[in-house]
């Protein structure tokens, strides 16, 4: 799966820093891990107090079938 993400590092006394990008992995938790690693590499945050990682959407994937729908539904 390919996901677009936004990772924000929040600080006690400074403005938050956000990094956006796209990652690819087989599982959502691996996407989050890779997104955080890329954001740390890009922003090099020091003394952050909290971190928010949001997988915004699956990017560039064709849906072969909608998940959660009954295949026999008319």
C-alpha atoms as a PDB file:
ATOM      1  CA  UNK A   1       0.000   0.000   0.000  1.00  0.00           C
ATOM      2  CA  UNK A   2       1.146   3.524  -0.749  1.00  0.00           C
ATOM      3  CA  UNK A   3       0.056   6.262   1.684  1.00  0.00           C
ATOM      4  CA  UNK A   4       0.317  10.017   1.848  1.00  0.00           C
ATOM      5  CA  UNK A   5       1.235  11.186   5.334  1.00  0.00           C
ATOM      6  CA  UNK A   6       1.770  14.191   7.569  1.00  0.00           C
ATOM      7  CA  UNK A   7       4.055  14.018  10.610  1.00  0.00           C
ATOM      8  CA  UNK A   8       4.061  16.893  13.105  1.00  0.00           C
ATOM      9  CA  UNK A   9       6.567  17.370  15.908  1.00  0.00           C
ATOM     10  CA  UNK A  10       5.240  19.546  18.736  1.00  0.00           C
ATOM     11  CA  UNK A  11       7.408  21.482  21.182  1.00  0.00           C
ATOM     12  CA  UNK A  12       6.911  22.983  24.635  1.00  0.00           C
ATOM     13  CA  UNK A  13       7.764  26.586  23.685  1.00  0.00           C
ATOM     14  CA  UNK A  14       8.183  26.565  19.889  1.00  0.00           C
ATOM     15  CA  UNK A  15       5.870  26.298  16.911  1.00  0.00           C
ATOM     16  CA  UNK A  16       5.185  22.774  15.601  1.00  0.00           C
ATOM     17  CA  UNK A  17       7.071  21.444  12.572  1.00  0.00           C
ATOM     18  CA  UNK A  18       5.264  19.364   9.935  1.00  0.00           C
ATOM     19  CA  UNK A  19       6.642  17.167   7.185  1.00  0.00           C
ATOM     20  CA  UNK A  20       4.491  15.653   4.412  1.00  0.00           C
ATOM     21  CA  UNK A  21       5.286  12.930   1.929  1.00  0.00           C
ATOM     22  CA  UNK A  22       4.437   9.501   0.564  1.00  0.00           C
ATOM     23  CA  UNK A  23       5.578   6.075   1.770  1.00  0.00           C
ATOM     24  CA  UNK A  24       4.995   2.535   0.592  1.00  0.00           C
ATOM     25  CA  UNK A  25       4.747  -0.646   2.663  1.00  0.00           C
ATOM     26  CA  UNK A  26       2.630  -3.760   3.064  1.00  0.00           C
ATOM     27  CA  UNK A  27       1.026  -2.856   6.410  1.00  0.00           C
ATOM     28  CA  UNK A  28      -0.216   0.442   7.923  1.00  0.00           C
ATOM     29  CA  UNK A  29       2.084   0.243  10.966  1.00  0.00           C
ATOM     30  CA  UNK A  30       5.107  -0.034   8.664  1.00  0.00           C
ATOM     31  CA  UNK A  31       3.892   3.041   6.733  1.00  0.00           C
ATOM     32  CA  UNK A  32       3.753   4.975  10.015  1.00  0.00           C
ATOM     33  CA  UNK A  33       7.244   3.851  10.992  1.00  0.00           C
ATOM     34  CA  UNK A  34       8.696   4.848   7.627  1.00  0.00           C
ATOM     35  CA  UNK A  35       6.856   8.186   7.658  1.00  0.00           C
ATOM     36  CA  UNK A  36       8.267   9.073  11.088  1.00  0.00           C
ATOM     37  CA  UNK A  37      11.789   8.062  10.027  1.00  0.00           C
ATOM     38  CA  UNK A  38      11.565  10.234   6.888  1.00  0.00           C
ATOM     39  CA  UNK A  39      10.235  13.182   8.903  1.00  0.00           C
ATOM     40  CA  UNK A  40      13.033  12.868  11.471  1.00  0.00           C
ATOM     41  CA  UNK A  41      15.589  12.781   8.667  1.00  0.00           C
ATOM     42  CA  UNK A  42      14.076  15.831   6.944  1.00  0.00           C
ATOM     43  CA  UNK A  43      13.358  18.048   9.979  1.00  0.00           C
ATOM     44  CA  UNK A  44      15.946  16.901  12.527  1.00  0.00           C
ATOM     45  CA  UNK A  45      13.738  17.932  15.486  1.00  0.00           C
ATOM     46  CA  UNK A  46      15.388  18.512  18.864  1.00  0.00           C
ATOM     47  CA  UNK A  47      13.570  18.347  22.224  1.00  0.00           C
ATOM     48  CA  UNK A  48      10.126  17.631  20.803  1.00  0.00           C
ATOM     49  CA  UNK A  49       7.439  16.834  23.370  1.00  0.00           C
ATOM     50  CA  UNK A  50       4.857  15.062  21.215  1.00  0.00           C
ATOM     51  CA  UNK A  51       4.511  13.610  17.764  1.00  0.00           C
ATOM     52  CA  UNK A  52       1.466  13.199  15.535  1.00  0.00           C
ATOM     53  CA  UNK A  53       1.515  10.953  12.462  1.00  0.00           C
ATOM     54  CA  UNK A  54      -1.501  10.881  10.171  1.00  0.00           C
ATOM     55  CA  UNK A  55      -1.887   8.598   7.169  1.00  0.00           C
ATOM     56  CA  UNK A  56      -3.928  10.916   4.987  1.00  0.00           C
ATOM     57  CA  UNK A  57      -5.002   8.538   2.232  1.00  0.00           C
ATOM     58  CA  UNK A  58      -3.984   5.603   0.151  1.00  0.00           C
ATOM     59  CA  UNK A  59      -2.312   7.050  -2.907  1.00  0.00           C
ATOM     60  CA  UNK A  60      -2.328   5.717  -6.457  1.00  0.00           C
ATOM     61  CA  UNK A  61      -4.063   2.410  -5.846  1.00  0.00           C
ATOM     62  CA  UNK A  62      -6.813   0.919  -7.952  1.00  0.00           C
ATOM     63  CA  UNK A  63      -9.626  -0.578  -5.885  1.00  0.00           C
ATOM     64  CA  UNK A  64     -10.330  -4.113  -7.104  1.00  0.00           C
ATOM     65  CA  UNK A  65     -13.335  -4.199  -4.805  1.00  0.00           C
ATOM     66  CA  UNK A  66     -14.612  -2.071  -2.004  1.00  0.00           C
ATOM     67  CA  UNK A  67     -13.745  -3.435   1.414  1.00  0.00           C
ATOM     68  CA  UNK A  68     -16.572  -4.056   3.824  1.00  0.00           C
ATOM     69  CA  UNK A  69     -19.225  -4.528   1.099  1.00  0.00           C
ATOM     70  CA  UNK A  70     -21.045  -7.792   0.585  1.00  0.00           C
ATOM     71  CA  UNK A  71     -20.007  -9.366  -2.710  1.00  0.00           C
ATOM     72  CA  UNK A  72     -23.518 -10.751  -3.254  1.00  0.00           C
ATOM     73  CA  UNK A  73     -25.271  -7.393  -2.801  1.00  0.00           C
ATOM     74  CA  UNK A  74     -27.131  -6.103  -5.853  1.00  0.00           C
END
